[in-house]
Amino acid sequence: VRAQGLYASGDKDPFDNKAQGFDAIFENPQF
């Protein structure tokens, strides 16, 4: 029996000088 949880941060303001969304290089998740 398994439980699974994941959180990848997101960007809150498209127009500022911060990029807060998480992205991988080349994901291939076994999850």
ModelCIF file with pLDDT and N, C-alpha, C, O atoms, coordinates in Angstrom:
data_MODEL
#
_entry.id   MODEL 
#
_entity.id                         1 
_entity.type                       polymer 
_entity.pdbx_number_of_molecules   1 
#
_entity_poly.entity_id                      1 
_entity_poly.type                           'polypeptide(L)' 
_entity_poly.nstd_linkage                   no 
_entity_poly.nstd_monomer                   no 
_entity_poly.pdbx_seq_one_letter_code       VRAQGLYASGDKDPFDNKAQGFDAIFENPQF 
_entity_poly.pdbx_seq_one_letter_code_can   VRAQGLYASGDKDPFDNKAQGFDAIFENPQF 
_entity_poly.pdbx_strand_id                 A 
#
loop_
_entity_poly_seq.entity_id 
_entity_poly_seq.num 
_entity_poly_seq.mon_id 
_entity_poly_seq.hetero 
1 1  VAL n 
1 2  ARG n 
1 3  ALA n 
1 4  GLN n 
1 5  GLY n 
1 6  LEU n 
1 7  TYR n 
1 8  ALA n 
1 9  SER n 
1 10 GLY n 
1 11 ASP n 
1 12 LYS n 
1 13 ASP n 
1 14 PRO n 
1 15 PHE n 
1 16 ASP n 
1 17 ASN n 
1 18 LYS n 
1 19 ALA n 
1 20 GLN n 
1 21 GLY n 
1 22 PHE n 
1 23 ASP n 
1 24 ALA n 
1 25 ILE n 
1 26 PHE n 
1 27 GLU n 
1 28 ASN n 
1 29 PRO n 
1 30 GLN n 
1 31 PHE n 
#
_struct_asym.id          A 
_struct_asym.entity_id   1 
#
loop_
_ma_qa_metric.id 
_ma_qa_metric.mode 
_ma_qa_metric.name 
_ma_qa_metric.software_group_id 
_ma_qa_metric.type 
1 global pLDDT . pLDDT 
2 local  pLDDT . pLDDT 
#
_ma_qa_metric_global.metric_id      1 
_ma_qa_metric_global.metric_value   94.74 
_ma_qa_metric_global.model_id       1 
_ma_qa_metric_global.ordinal_id     1 
#
loop_
_ma_qa_metric_local.label_asym_id 
_ma_qa_metric_local.label_comp_id 
_ma_qa_metric_local.label_seq_id 
_ma_qa_metric_local.metric_id 
_ma_qa_metric_local.metric_value 
_ma_qa_metric_local.model_id 
_ma_qa_metric_local.ordinal_id 
A VAL 1  2 97.00 1 1  
A ARG 2  2 95.00 1 2  
A ALA 3  2 97.00 1 3  
A GLN 4  2 96.00 1 4  
A GLY 5  2 97.00 1 5  
A LEU 6  2 97.00 1 6  
A TYR 7  2 98.00 1 7  
A ALA 8  2 97.00 1 8  
A SER 9  2 97.00 1 9  
A GLY 10 2 96.00 1 10 
A ASP 11 2 95.00 1 11 
A LYS 12 2 94.00 1 12 
A ASP 13 2 92.00 1 13 
A PRO 14 2 91.00 1 14 
A PHE 15 2 89.00 1 15 
A ASP 16 2 89.00 1 16 
A ASN 17 2 89.00 1 17 
A LYS 18 2 92.00 1 18 
A ALA 19 2 94.00 1 19 
A GLN 20 2 96.00 1 20 
A GLY 21 2 96.00 1 21 
A PHE 22 2 97.00 1 22 
A ASP 23 2 97.00 1 23 
A ALA 24 2 97.00 1 24 
A ILE 25 2 96.00 1 25 
A PHE 26 2 96.00 1 26 
A GLU 27 2 95.00 1 27 
A ASN 28 2 94.00 1 28 
A PRO 29 2 94.00 1 29 
A GLN 30 2 93.00 1 30 
A PHE 31 2 94.00 1 31 
#
loop_
_atom_site.group_PDB 
_atom_site.id 
_atom_site.type_symbol 
_atom_site.label_atom_id 
_atom_site.label_alt_id 
_atom_site.label_comp_id 
_atom_site.label_asym_id 
_atom_site.label_entity_id 
_atom_site.label_seq_id 
_atom_site.pdbx_PDB_ins_code 
_atom_site.Cartn_x 
_atom_site.Cartn_y 
_atom_site.Cartn_z 
_atom_site.occupancy 
_atom_site.B_iso_or_equiv 
_atom_site.pdbx_formal_charge 
_atom_site.auth_seq_id 
_atom_site.auth_comp_id 
_atom_site.auth_asym_id 
_atom_site.auth_atom_id 
_atom_site.pdbx_PDB_model_num 
ATOM 1   N N  . VAL A 1 1  ? 0.856  -1.187 0.000   1.00 97.00 ? 1  VAL A N  1 
ATOM 2   C CA . VAL A 1 1  ? 0.000  0.000  0.000   1.00 97.00 ? 1  VAL A CA 1 
ATOM 3   C C  . VAL A 1 1  ? 0.891  1.235  0.000   1.00 97.00 ? 1  VAL A C  1 
ATOM 4   O O  . VAL A 1 1  ? 1.829  1.336  0.791   1.00 97.00 ? 1  VAL A O  1 
ATOM 5   N N  . ARG A 1 2  ? 0.586  2.183  -0.904  1.00 95.00 ? 2  ARG A N  1 
ATOM 6   C CA . ARG A 1 2  ? 1.433  3.358  -1.077  1.00 95.00 ? 2  ARG A CA 1 
ATOM 7   C C  . ARG A 1 2  ? 0.630  4.650  -0.917  1.00 95.00 ? 2  ARG A C  1 
ATOM 8   O O  . ARG A 1 2  ? -0.576 4.694  -1.157  1.00 95.00 ? 2  ARG A O  1 
ATOM 9   N N  . ALA A 1 3  ? 1.338  5.688  -0.506  1.00 97.00 ? 3  ALA A N  1 
ATOM 10  C CA . ALA A 1 3  ? 0.837  7.056  -0.600  1.00 97.00 ? 3  ALA A CA 1 
ATOM 11  C C  . ALA A 1 3  ? 1.875  7.846  -1.378  1.00 97.00 ? 3  ALA A C  1 
ATOM 12  O O  . ALA A 1 3  ? 3.064  7.529  -1.328  1.00 97.00 ? 3  ALA A O  1 
ATOM 13  N N  . GLN A 1 4  ? 1.436  8.873  -2.099  1.00 96.00 ? 4  GLN A N  1 
ATOM 14  C CA . GLN A 1 4  ? 2.370  9.650  -2.898  1.00 96.00 ? 4  GLN A CA 1 
ATOM 15  C C  . GLN A 1 4  ? 1.969  11.128 -2.881  1.00 96.00 ? 4  GLN A C  1 
ATOM 16  O O  . GLN A 1 4  ? 0.798  11.481 -3.018  1.00 96.00 ? 4  GLN A O  1 
ATOM 17  N N  . GLY A 1 5  ? 2.971  11.960 -2.710  1.00 97.00 ? 5  GLY A N  1 
ATOM 18  C CA . GLY A 1 5  ? 2.732  13.393 -2.695  1.00 97.00 ? 5  GLY A CA 1 
ATOM 19  C C  . GLY A 1 5  ? 3.870  14.132 -3.380  1.00 97.00 ? 5  GLY A C  1 
ATOM 20  O O  . GLY A 1 5  ? 5.031  13.740 -3.267  1.00 97.00 ? 5  GLY A O  1 
ATOM 21  N N  . LEU A 1 6  ? 3.530  15.209 -4.095  1.00 97.00 ? 6  LEU A N  1 
ATOM 22  C CA . LEU A 1 6  ? 4.526  15.978 -4.831  1.00 97.00 ? 6  LEU A CA 1 
ATOM 23  C C  . LEU A 1 6  ? 4.135  17.443 -4.851  1.00 97.00 ? 6  LEU A C  1 
ATOM 24  O O  . LEU A 1 6  ? 2.966  17.776 -5.042  1.00 97.00 ? 6  LEU A O  1 
ATOM 25  N N  . TYR A 1 7  ? 5.106  18.316 -4.653  1.00 98.00 ? 7  TYR A N  1 
ATOM 26  C CA . TYR A 1 7  ? 4.878  19.761 -4.761  1.00 98.00 ? 7  TYR A CA 1 
ATOM 27  C C  . TYR A 1 7  ? 6.025  20.376 -5.542  1.00 98.00 ? 7  TYR A C  1 
ATOM 28  O O  . TYR A 1 7  ? 7.187  20.258 -5.150  1.00 98.00 ? 7  TYR A O  1 
ATOM 29  N N  . ALA A 1 8  ? 5.696  21.039 -6.658  1.00 97.00 ? 8  ALA A N  1 
ATOM 30  C CA . ALA A 1 8  ? 6.654  21.816 -7.440  1.00 97.00 ? 8  ALA A CA 1 
ATOM 31  C C  . ALA A 1 8  ? 6.178  23.259 -7.425  1.00 97.00 ? 8  ALA A C  1 
ATOM 32  O O  . ALA A 1 8  ? 5.048  23.541 -7.824  1.00 97.00 ? 8  ALA A O  1 
ATOM 33  N N  . SER A 1 9  ? 7.013  24.168 -6.975  1.00 97.00 ? 9  SER A N  1 
ATOM 34  C CA . SER A 1 9  ? 6.586  25.556 -6.786  1.00 97.00 ? 9  SER A CA 1 
ATOM 35  C C  . SER A 1 9  ? 6.161  26.193 -8.110  1.00 97.00 ? 9  SER A C  1 
ATOM 36  O O  . SER A 1 9  ? 6.632  25.810 -9.181  1.00 97.00 ? 9  SER A O  1 
ATOM 37  N N  . GLY A 1 10 ? 5.250  27.187 -8.009  1.00 96.00 ? 10 GLY A N  1 
ATOM 38  C CA . GLY A 1 10 ? 4.754  27.901 -9.171  1.00 96.00 ? 10 GLY A CA 1 
ATOM 39  C C  . GLY A 1 10 ? 5.062  29.384 -9.085  1.00 96.00 ? 10 GLY A C  1 
ATOM 40  O O  . GLY A 1 10 ? 5.332  29.911 -8.006  1.00 96.00 ? 10 GLY A O  1 
ATOM 41  N N  . ASP A 1 11 ? 5.021  30.053 -10.230 1.00 95.00 ? 11 ASP A N  1 
ATOM 42  C CA . ASP A 1 11 ? 5.297  31.480 -10.291 1.00 95.00 ? 11 ASP A CA 1 
ATOM 43  C C  . ASP A 1 11 ? 4.052  32.275 -9.905  1.00 95.00 ? 11 ASP A C  1 
ATOM 44  O O  . ASP A 1 11 ? 2.945  31.964 -10.346 1.00 95.00 ? 11 ASP A O  1 
ATOM 45  N N  . LYS A 1 12 ? 4.242  33.298 -9.082  1.00 94.00 ? 12 LYS A N  1 
ATOM 46  C CA . LYS A 1 12 ? 3.113  34.066 -8.556  1.00 94.00 ? 12 LYS A CA 1 
ATOM 47  C C  . LYS A 1 12 ? 2.811  35.329 -9.359  1.00 94.00 ? 12 LYS A C  1 
ATOM 48  O O  . LYS A 1 12 ? 1.712  35.875 -9.260  1.00 94.00 ? 12 LYS A O  1 
ATOM 49  N N  . ASP A 1 13 ? 3.781  35.801 -10.159 1.00 92.00 ? 13 ASP A N  1 
ATOM 50  C CA . ASP A 1 13 ? 3.585  37.046 -10.911 1.00 92.00 ? 13 ASP A CA 1 
ATOM 51  C C  . ASP A 1 13 ? 4.329  36.947 -12.239 1.00 92.00 ? 13 ASP A C  1 
ATOM 52  O O  . ASP A 1 13 ? 5.560  36.952 -12.247 1.00 92.00 ? 13 ASP A O  1 
ATOM 53  N N  . PRO A 1 14 ? 3.619  36.857 -13.361 1.00 91.00 ? 14 PRO A N  1 
ATOM 54  C CA . PRO A 1 14 ? 4.291  36.694 -14.658 1.00 91.00 ? 14 PRO A CA 1 
ATOM 55  C C  . PRO A 1 14 ? 5.128  37.895 -15.067 1.00 91.00 ? 14 PRO A C  1 
ATOM 56  O O  . PRO A 1 14 ? 6.008  37.763 -15.917 1.00 91.00 ? 14 PRO A O  1 
ATOM 57  N N  . PHE A 1 15 ? 4.874  39.078 -14.477 1.00 89.00 ? 15 PHE A N  1 
ATOM 58  C CA . PHE A 1 15 ? 5.469  40.305 -14.984 1.00 89.00 ? 15 PHE A CA 1 
ATOM 59  C C  . PHE A 1 15 ? 6.616  40.848 -14.132 1.00 89.00 ? 15 PHE A C  1 
ATOM 60  O O  . PHE A 1 15 ? 7.156  41.912 -14.436 1.00 89.00 ? 15 PHE A O  1 
ATOM 61  N N  . ASP A 1 16 ? 6.996  40.135 -13.074 1.00 89.00 ? 16 ASP A N  1 
ATOM 62  C CA . ASP A 1 16 ? 8.123  40.622 -12.283 1.00 89.00 ? 16 ASP A CA 1 
ATOM 63  C C  . ASP A 1 16 ? 9.422  39.979 -12.776 1.00 89.00 ? 16 ASP A C  1 
ATOM 64  O O  . ASP A 1 16 ? 9.428  39.289 -13.795 1.00 89.00 ? 16 ASP A O  1 
ATOM 65  N N  . ASN A 1 17 ? 10.503 40.203 -12.062 1.00 89.00 ? 17 ASN A N  1 
ATOM 66  C CA . ASN A 1 17 ? 11.798 39.667 -12.477 1.00 89.00 ? 17 ASN A CA 1 
ATOM 67  C C  . ASN A 1 17 ? 12.164 38.413 -11.690 1.00 89.00 ? 17 ASN A C  1 
ATOM 68  O O  . ASN A 1 17 ? 13.341 38.134 -11.461 1.00 89.00 ? 17 ASN A O  1 
ATOM 69  N N  . LYS A 1 18 ? 11.141 37.660 -11.278 1.00 92.00 ? 18 LYS A N  1 
ATOM 70  C CA . LYS A 1 18 ? 11.348 36.404 -10.573 1.00 92.00 ? 18 LYS A CA 1 
ATOM 71  C C  . LYS A 1 18 ? 10.699 35.261 -11.352 1.00 92.00 ? 18 LYS A C  1 
ATOM 72  O O  . LYS A 1 18 ? 9.572  35.383 -11.832 1.00 92.00 ? 18 LYS A O  1 
ATOM 73  N N  . ALA A 1 19 ? 11.418 34.164 -11.467 1.00 94.00 ? 19 ALA A N  1 
ATOM 74  C CA . ALA A 1 19 ? 10.900 32.957 -12.105 1.00 94.00 ? 19 ALA A CA 1 
ATOM 75  C C  . ALA A 1 19 ? 10.835 31.881 -11.026 1.00 94.00 ? 19 ALA A C  1 
ATOM 76  O O  . ALA A 1 19 ? 11.845 31.252 -10.711 1.00 94.00 ? 19 ALA A O  1 
ATOM 77  N N  . GLN A 1 20 ? 9.655  31.669 -10.465 1.00 96.00 ? 20 GLN A N  1 
ATOM 78  C CA . GLN A 1 20 ? 9.500  30.820 -9.287  1.00 96.00 ? 20 GLN A CA 1 
ATOM 79  C C  . GLN A 1 20 ? 8.903  29.448 -9.592  1.00 96.00 ? 20 GLN A C  1 
ATOM 80  O O  . GLN A 1 20 ? 8.648  28.670 -8.672  1.00 96.00 ? 20 GLN A O  1 
ATOM 81  N N  . GLY A 1 21 ? 8.680  29.146 -10.854 1.00 96.00 ? 21 GLY A N  1 
ATOM 82  C CA . GLY A 1 21 ? 8.135  27.843 -11.212 1.00 96.00 ? 21 GLY A CA 1 
ATOM 83  C C  . GLY A 1 21 ? 9.242  26.809 -11.380 1.00 96.00 ? 21 GLY A C  1 
ATOM 84  O O  . GLY A 1 21 ? 10.232 27.069 -12.064 1.00 96.00 ? 21 GLY A O  1 
ATOM 85  N N  . PHE A 1 22 ? 9.084  25.646 -10.766 1.00 97.00 ? 22 PHE A N  1 
ATOM 86  C CA . PHE A 1 22 ? 10.107 24.605 -10.885 1.00 97.00 ? 22 PHE A CA 1 
ATOM 87  C C  . PHE A 1 22 ? 9.916  23.832 -12.185 1.00 97.00 ? 22 PHE A C  1 
ATOM 88  O O  . PHE A 1 22 ? 8.802  23.449 -12.541 1.00 97.00 ? 22 PHE A O  1 
ATOM 89  N N  . ASP A 1 23 ? 11.024 23.613 -12.883 1.00 97.00 ? 23 ASP A N  1 
ATOM 90  C CA . ASP A 1 23 ? 11.020 22.761 -14.066 1.00 97.00 ? 23 ASP A CA 1 
ATOM 91  C C  . ASP A 1 23 ? 12.261 21.887 -14.039 1.00 97.00 ? 23 ASP A C  1 
ATOM 92  O O  . ASP A 1 23 ? 13.305 22.301 -13.534 1.00 97.00 ? 23 ASP A O  1 
ATOM 93  N N  . ALA A 1 24 ? 12.154 20.683 -14.577 1.00 97.00 ? 24 ALA A N  1 
ATOM 94  C CA . ALA A 1 24 ? 13.274 19.756 -14.644 1.00 97.00 ? 24 ALA A CA 1 
ATOM 95  C C  . ALA A 1 24 ? 14.074 19.992 -15.924 1.00 97.00 ? 24 ALA A C  1 
ATOM 96  O O  . ALA A 1 24 ? 13.695 20.808 -16.764 1.00 97.00 ? 24 ALA A O  1 
ATOM 97  N N  . ILE A 1 25 ? 15.180 19.270 -16.061 1.00 96.00 ? 25 ILE A N  1 
ATOM 98  C CA . ILE A 1 25 ? 15.958 19.308 -17.299 1.00 96.00 ? 25 ILE A CA 1 
ATOM 99  C C  . ILE A 1 25 ? 15.300 18.390 -18.318 1.00 96.00 ? 25 ILE A C  1 
ATOM 100 O O  . ILE A 1 25 ? 14.963 18.824 -19.420 1.00 96.00 ? 25 ILE A O  1 
ATOM 101 N N  . PHE A 1 26 ? 15.113 17.116 -17.958 1.00 96.00 ? 26 PHE A N  1 
ATOM 102 C CA . PHE A 1 26 ? 14.430 16.139 -18.811 1.00 96.00 ? 26 PHE A CA 1 
ATOM 103 C C  . PHE A 1 26 ? 13.869 15.050 -17.905 1.00 96.00 ? 26 PHE A C  1 
ATOM 104 O O  . PHE A 1 26 ? 14.520 14.036 -17.657 1.00 96.00 ? 26 PHE A O  1 
ATOM 105 N N  . GLU A 1 27 ? 12.665 15.272 -17.420 1.00 95.00 ? 27 GLU A N  1 
ATOM 106 C CA . GLU A 1 27 ? 12.078 14.347 -16.454 1.00 95.00 ? 27 GLU A CA 1 
ATOM 107 C C  . GLU A 1 27 ? 11.570 13.081 -17.137 1.00 95.00 ? 27 GLU A C  1 
ATOM 108 O O  . GLU A 1 27 ? 11.158 13.111 -18.296 1.00 95.00 ? 27 GLU A O  1 
ATOM 109 N N  . ASN A 1 28 ? 11.604 11.995 -16.420 1.00 94.00 ? 28 ASN A N  1 
ATOM 110 C CA . ASN A 1 28 ? 11.016 10.724 -16.858 1.00 94.00 ? 28 ASN A CA 1 
ATOM 111 C C  . ASN A 1 28 ? 10.609 9.970  -15.596 1.00 94.00 ? 28 ASN A C  1 
ATOM 112 O O  . ASN A 1 28 ? 11.202 8.942  -15.269 1.00 94.00 ? 28 ASN A O  1 
ATOM 113 N N  . PRO A 1 29 ? 9.596  10.476 -14.883 1.00 94.00 ? 29 PRO A N  1 
ATOM 114 C CA . PRO A 1 29 ? 9.339  10.043 -13.507 1.00 94.00 ? 29 PRO A CA 1 
ATOM 115 C C  . PRO A 1 29 ? 8.758  8.633  -13.400 1.00 94.00 ? 29 PRO A C  1 
ATOM 116 O O  . PRO A 1 29 ? 7.846  8.263  -14.139 1.00 94.00 ? 29 PRO A O  1 
ATOM 117 N N  . GLN A 1 30 ? 9.298  7.869  -12.477 1.00 93.00 ? 30 GLN A N  1 
ATOM 118 C CA . GLN A 1 30 ? 8.729  6.583  -12.072 1.00 93.00 ? 30 GLN A CA 1 
ATOM 119 C C  . GLN A 1 30 ? 8.026  6.823  -10.737 1.00 93.00 ? 30 GLN A C  1 
ATOM 120 O O  . GLN A 1 30 ? 8.567  6.553  -9.665  1.00 93.00 ? 30 GLN A O  1 
ATOM 121 N N  . PHE A 1 31 ? 6.790  7.344  -10.842 1.00 94.00 ? 31 PHE A N  1 
ATOM 122 C CA . PHE A 1 31 ? 6.119  7.865  -9.661  1.00 94.00 ? 31 PHE A CA 1 
ATOM 123 C C  . PHE A 1 31 ? 4.634  7.979  -9.952  1.00 94.00 ? 31 PHE A C  1 
ATOM 124 O O  . PHE A 1 31 ? 3.867  8.402  -9.088  1.00 94.00 ? 31 PHE A O  1 
#
